[in-house]
Amino acid sequence: MKSIVNWFTKNKILLSSFIATILFSIFYFNIPYNYICKPNLYLESCGEILKFFKIILIISPALLFFSIITLKTKEELFWKWRKFTFIYLCIYLFIATIFPWYIGDEFLNIQKAHVSIFMVMIYSIISLILIFYKSLKKN
């Protein structure tokens, strides 16, 4: 697992998060749904699959933002952020995969998209704290 984390350098994380953000933008504006799912009515679960990819990729703009921020930082700070990001992404993917689409009733309705957005906000707050704390901390 350590070799997988070490494979991701600053440039590789920046490139992969940029590609993931482009994919998220494509899924967000329903481009695949309009050109693949709508004309082919025999693809019943096509919309659900595309919605799932949208939920998985919702973290990519935050990942792109923080990879741009850490591009010019010290290597030690980048390593700590990279390790945190890798662990958090594994937890995020696990929770986003097993969480049901809808829970609750008309008064308390929790959806998979709400949980994903909340987890992206937690990731952003922790990343900001980690980056600013470690960059201000003197050796």
C-alpha atoms as a PDB file:
ATOM      1  CA  MET A   1       0.000   0.000   0.000  1.00  0.00           C
ATOM      2  CA  LYS A   2       2.906   2.309   0.727  1.00  0.00           C
ATOM      3  CA  SER A   3       4.221   1.870  -2.821  1.00  0.00           C
ATOM      4  CA  ILE A   4       0.829   2.890  -4.236  1.00  0.00           C
ATOM      5  CA  VAL A   5       0.815   6.078  -2.161  1.00  0.00           C
ATOM      6  CA  ASN A   6       4.433   6.841  -3.061  1.00  0.00           C
ATOM      7  CA  TRP A   7       3.671   6.430  -6.764  1.00  0.00           C
ATOM      8  CA  PHE A   8       1.543   9.572  -6.667  1.00  0.00           C
ATOM      9  CA  THR A   9       3.847  12.540  -7.081  1.00  0.00           C
ATOM     10  CA  LYS A  10       2.717  16.156  -7.158  1.00  0.00           C
ATOM     11  CA  ASN A  11       2.338  16.143 -10.937  1.00  0.00           C
ATOM     12  CA  LYS A  12       0.515  12.800 -11.033  1.00  0.00           C
ATOM     13  CA  ILE A  13      -1.983  13.901  -8.399  1.00  0.00           C
ATOM     14  CA  LEU A  14      -2.520  17.190 -10.218  1.00  0.00           C
ATOM     15  CA  LEU A  15      -3.072  15.445 -13.560  1.00  0.00           C
ATOM     16  CA  SER A  16      -5.369  12.736 -12.168  1.00  0.00           C
ATOM     17  CA  SER A  17      -7.451  15.238 -10.195  1.00  0.00           C
ATOM     18  CA  PHE A  18      -7.724  17.457 -13.285  1.00  0.00           C
ATOM     19  CA  ILE A  19      -8.974  14.526 -15.374  1.00  0.00           C
ATOM     20  CA  ALA A  20     -11.396  13.487 -12.609  1.00  0.00           C
ATOM     21  CA  THR A  21     -12.725  17.065 -12.410  1.00  0.00           C
ATOM     22  CA  ILE A  22     -13.328  17.108 -16.157  1.00  0.00           C
ATOM     23  CA  LEU A  23     -15.176  13.788 -15.874  1.00  0.00           C
ATOM     24  CA  PHE A  24     -17.213  15.153 -12.962  1.00  0.00           C
ATOM     25  CA  SER A  25     -18.162  18.192 -15.075  1.00  0.00           C
ATOM     26  CA  ILE A  26     -19.270  15.922 -17.910  1.00  0.00           C
ATOM     27  CA  PHE A  27     -21.374  13.794 -15.555  1.00  0.00           C
ATOM     28  CA  TYR A  28     -22.705  16.850 -13.705  1.00  0.00           C
ATOM     29  CA  PHE A  29     -24.194  18.372 -16.863  1.00  0.00           C
ATOM     30  CA  ASN A  30     -25.768  14.994 -17.799  1.00  0.00           C
ATOM     31  CA  ILE A  31     -23.977  14.820 -21.147  1.00  0.00           C
ATOM     32  CA  PRO A  32     -23.691  10.987 -21.112  1.00  0.00           C
ATOM     33  CA  TYR A  33     -27.333  10.668 -20.056  1.00  0.00           C
ATOM     34  CA  ASN A  34     -28.600  12.794 -22.935  1.00  0.00           C
ATOM     35  CA  TYR A  35     -26.532  10.959 -25.567  1.00  0.00           C
ATOM     36  CA  ILE A  36     -26.373   7.407 -24.222  1.00  0.00           C
ATOM     37  CA  CYS A  37     -29.275   6.692 -21.870  1.00  0.00           C
ATOM     38  CA  LYS A  38     -32.131   8.699 -23.398  1.00  0.00           C
ATOM     39  CA  PRO A  39     -31.983   7.267 -26.931  1.00  0.00           C
ATOM     40  CA  ASN A  40     -31.501   3.684 -25.664  1.00  0.00           C
ATOM     41  CA  LEU A  41     -34.509   2.871 -23.539  1.00  0.00           C
ATOM     42  CA  TYR A  42     -33.328  -0.722 -23.041  1.00  0.00           C
ATOM     43  CA  LEU A  43     -30.559   0.561 -20.738  1.00  0.00           C
ATOM     44  CA  GLU A  44     -32.754   0.705 -17.635  1.00  0.00           C
ATOM     45  CA  SER A  45     -30.062   1.316 -15.021  1.00  0.00           C
ATOM     46  CA  CYS A  46     -27.970   3.670 -17.143  1.00  0.00           C
ATOM     47  CA  GLY A  47     -29.124   6.776 -15.293  1.00  0.00           C
ATOM     48  CA  GLU A  48     -28.433   5.198 -11.897  1.00  0.00           C
ATOM     49  CA  ILE A  49     -24.918   4.196 -12.954  1.00  0.00           C
ATOM     50  CA  LEU A  50     -24.172   7.712 -14.186  1.00  0.00           C
ATOM     51  CA  LYS A  51     -25.581   9.183 -10.972  1.00  0.00           C
ATOM     52  CA  PHE A  52     -23.287   6.878  -8.982  1.00  0.00           C
ATOM     53  CA  PHE A  53     -20.223   8.077 -10.925  1.00  0.00           C
ATOM     54  CA  LYS A  54     -21.299  11.669 -10.315  1.00  0.00           C
ATOM     55  CA  ILE A  55     -21.428  11.005  -6.572  1.00  0.00           C
ATOM     56  CA  ILE A  56     -18.038   9.265  -6.588  1.00  0.00           C
ATOM     57  CA  LEU A  57     -16.381  12.075  -8.578  1.00  0.00           C
ATOM     58  CA  ILE A  58     -17.862  14.931  -6.530  1.00  0.00           C
ATOM     59  CA  ILE A  59     -14.661  15.069  -4.454  1.00  0.00           C
ATOM     60  CA  SER A  60     -12.463  15.722  -7.492  1.00  0.00           C
ATOM     61  CA  PRO A  61     -12.778  19.554  -7.581  1.00  0.00           C
ATOM     62  CA  ALA A  62     -11.662  19.730  -3.942  1.00  0.00           C
ATOM     63  CA  LEU A  63      -8.815  17.339  -4.709  1.00  0.00           C
ATOM     64  CA  LEU A  64      -7.771  19.519  -7.651  1.00  0.00           C
ATOM     65  CA  PHE A  65      -7.890  22.666  -5.530  1.00  0.00           C
ATOM     66  CA  PHE A  66      -5.704  21.215  -2.785  1.00  0.00           C
ATOM     67  CA  SER A  67      -3.280  19.601  -5.219  1.00  0.00           C
ATOM     68  CA  ILE A  68      -2.741  23.053  -6.768  1.00  0.00           C
ATOM     69  CA  ILE A  69      -2.171  24.507  -3.292  1.00  0.00           C
ATOM     70  CA  THR A  70       0.358  21.809  -2.353  1.00  0.00           C
ATOM     71  CA  LEU A  71       2.188  22.092  -5.654  1.00  0.00           C
ATOM     72  CA  LYS A  72       4.558  24.764  -4.319  1.00  0.00           C
ATOM     73  CA  THR A  73       4.818  23.566  -0.723  1.00  0.00           C
ATOM     74  CA  LYS A  74       7.607  21.626   0.974  1.00  0.00           C
ATOM     75  CA  GLU A  75       7.872  17.929   0.244  1.00  0.00           C
ATOM     76  CA  GLU A  76       7.241  16.960   3.868  1.00  0.00           C
ATOM     77  CA  LEU A  77       3.935  18.829   3.897  1.00  0.00           C
ATOM     78  CA  PHE A  78       2.953  17.280   0.574  1.00  0.00           C
ATOM     79  CA  TRP A  79       3.719  13.770   1.851  1.00  0.00           C
ATOM     80  CA  LYS A  80       1.533  14.247   4.918  1.00  0.00           C
ATOM     81  CA  TRP A  81      -1.320  15.677   2.842  1.00  0.00           C
ATOM     82  CA  ARG A  82      -0.941  12.891   0.262  1.00  0.00           C
ATOM     83  CA  LYS A  83      -1.101  10.209   2.956  1.00  0.00           C
ATOM     84  CA  PHE A  84      -4.184  11.850   4.525  1.00  0.00           C
ATOM     85  CA  THR A  85      -5.829  12.184   1.107  1.00  0.00           C
ATOM     86  CA  PHE A  86      -5.216   8.558   0.206  1.00  0.00           C
ATOM     87  CA  ILE A  87      -6.671   7.301   3.494  1.00  0.00           C
ATOM     88  CA  TYR A  88      -9.621   9.682   3.246  1.00  0.00           C
ATOM     89  CA  LEU A  89     -10.353   8.679  -0.361  1.00  0.00           C
ATOM     90  CA  CYS A  90     -10.467   5.013   0.642  1.00  0.00           C
ATOM     91  CA  ILE A  91     -12.926   5.822   3.449  1.00  0.00           C
ATOM     92  CA  TYR A  92     -14.936   8.106   1.141  1.00  0.00           C
ATOM     93  CA  LEU A  93     -15.241   5.479  -1.589  1.00  0.00           C
ATOM     94  CA  PHE A  94     -16.246   2.830   0.934  1.00  0.00           C
ATOM     95  CA  ILE A  95     -18.959   4.975   2.526  1.00  0.00           C
ATOM     96  CA  ALA A  96     -20.214   6.319  -0.813  1.00  0.00           C
ATOM     97  CA  THR A  97     -20.458   2.789  -2.156  1.00  0.00           C
ATOM     98  CA  ILE A  98     -22.292   1.135   0.749  1.00  0.00           C
ATOM     99  CA  PHE A  99     -24.571   4.039   1.729  1.00  0.00           C
ATOM    100  CA  PRO A 100     -28.126   3.557   0.416  1.00  0.00           C
ATOM    101  CA  TRP A 101     -29.602   6.005  -2.096  1.00  0.00           C
ATOM    102  CA  TYR A 102     -32.347   7.224   0.253  1.00  0.00           C
ATOM    103  CA  ILE A 103     -32.955   6.911   3.987  1.00  0.00           C
ATOM    104  CA  GLY A 104     -35.797   8.357   5.975  1.00  0.00           C
ATOM    105  CA  ASP A 105     -39.205   9.741   5.306  1.00  0.00           C
ATOM    106  CA  GLU A 106     -40.571  13.060   4.068  1.00  0.00           C
ATOM    107  CA  PHE A 107     -39.420  14.914   7.191  1.00  0.00           C
ATOM    108  CA  LEU A 108     -35.905  13.509   7.596  1.00  0.00           C
ATOM    109  CA  ASN A 109     -34.581  12.547   4.203  1.00  0.00           C
ATOM    110  CA  ILE A 110     -30.908  11.671   3.851  1.00  0.00           C
ATOM    111  CA  GLN A 111     -29.615  10.924   0.373  1.00  0.00           C
ATOM    112  CA  LYS A 112     -26.325   9.528  -0.859  1.00  0.00           C
ATOM    113  CA  ALA A 113     -25.531  12.856  -2.530  1.00  0.00           C
ATOM    114  CA  HIS A 114     -26.003  14.713   0.771  1.00  0.00           C
ATOM    115  CA  VAL A 115     -23.597  12.373   2.538  1.00  0.00           C
ATOM    116  CA  SER A 116     -21.049  12.781  -0.267  1.00  0.00           C
ATOM    117  CA  ILE A 117     -21.229  16.578  -0.144  1.00  0.00           C
ATOM    118  CA  PHE A 118     -20.873  16.494   3.641  1.00  0.00           C
ATOM    119  CA  MET A 119     -17.805  14.255   3.331  1.00  0.00           C
ATOM    120  CA  VAL A 120     -16.269  16.614   0.752  1.00  0.00           C
ATOM    121  CA  MET A 121     -16.784  19.506   3.170  1.00  0.00           C
ATOM    122  CA  ILE A 122     -15.084  17.518   5.961  1.00  0.00           C
ATOM    123  CA  TYR A 123     -12.203  16.672   3.605  1.00  0.00           C
ATOM    124  CA  SER A 124     -11.813  20.340   2.650  1.00  0.00           C
ATOM    125  CA  ILE A 125     -11.809  21.557   6.242  1.00  0.00           C
ATOM    126  CA  ILE A 126      -9.298  18.942   7.396  1.00  0.00           C
ATOM    127  CA  SER A 127      -7.058  19.579   4.371  1.00  0.00           C
ATOM    128  CA  LEU A 128      -7.092  23.328   5.016  1.00  0.00           C
ATOM    129  CA  ILE A 129      -6.231  22.833   8.672  1.00  0.00           C
ATOM    130  CA  LEU A 130      -3.492  20.324   7.831  1.00  0.00           C
ATOM    131  CA  ILE A 131      -1.906  22.487   5.138  1.00  0.00           C
ATOM    132  CA  PHE A 132      -1.998  25.737   7.081  1.00  0.00           C
ATOM    133  CA  TYR A 133      -0.928  24.198  10.386  1.00  0.00           C
ATOM    134  CA  LYS A 134       1.990  22.290   8.875  1.00  0.00           C
ATOM    135  CA  SER A 135       3.088  25.231   6.720  1.00  0.00           C
ATOM    136  CA  LEU A 136       3.095  27.620   9.694  1.00  0.00           C
ATOM    137  CA  LYS A 137       4.765  25.167  12.044  1.00  0.00           C
ATOM    138  CA  LYS A 138       8.506  25.744  12.387  1.00  0.00           C
ATOM    139  CA  ASN A 139      10.935  22.870  12.409  1.00  0.00           C
END
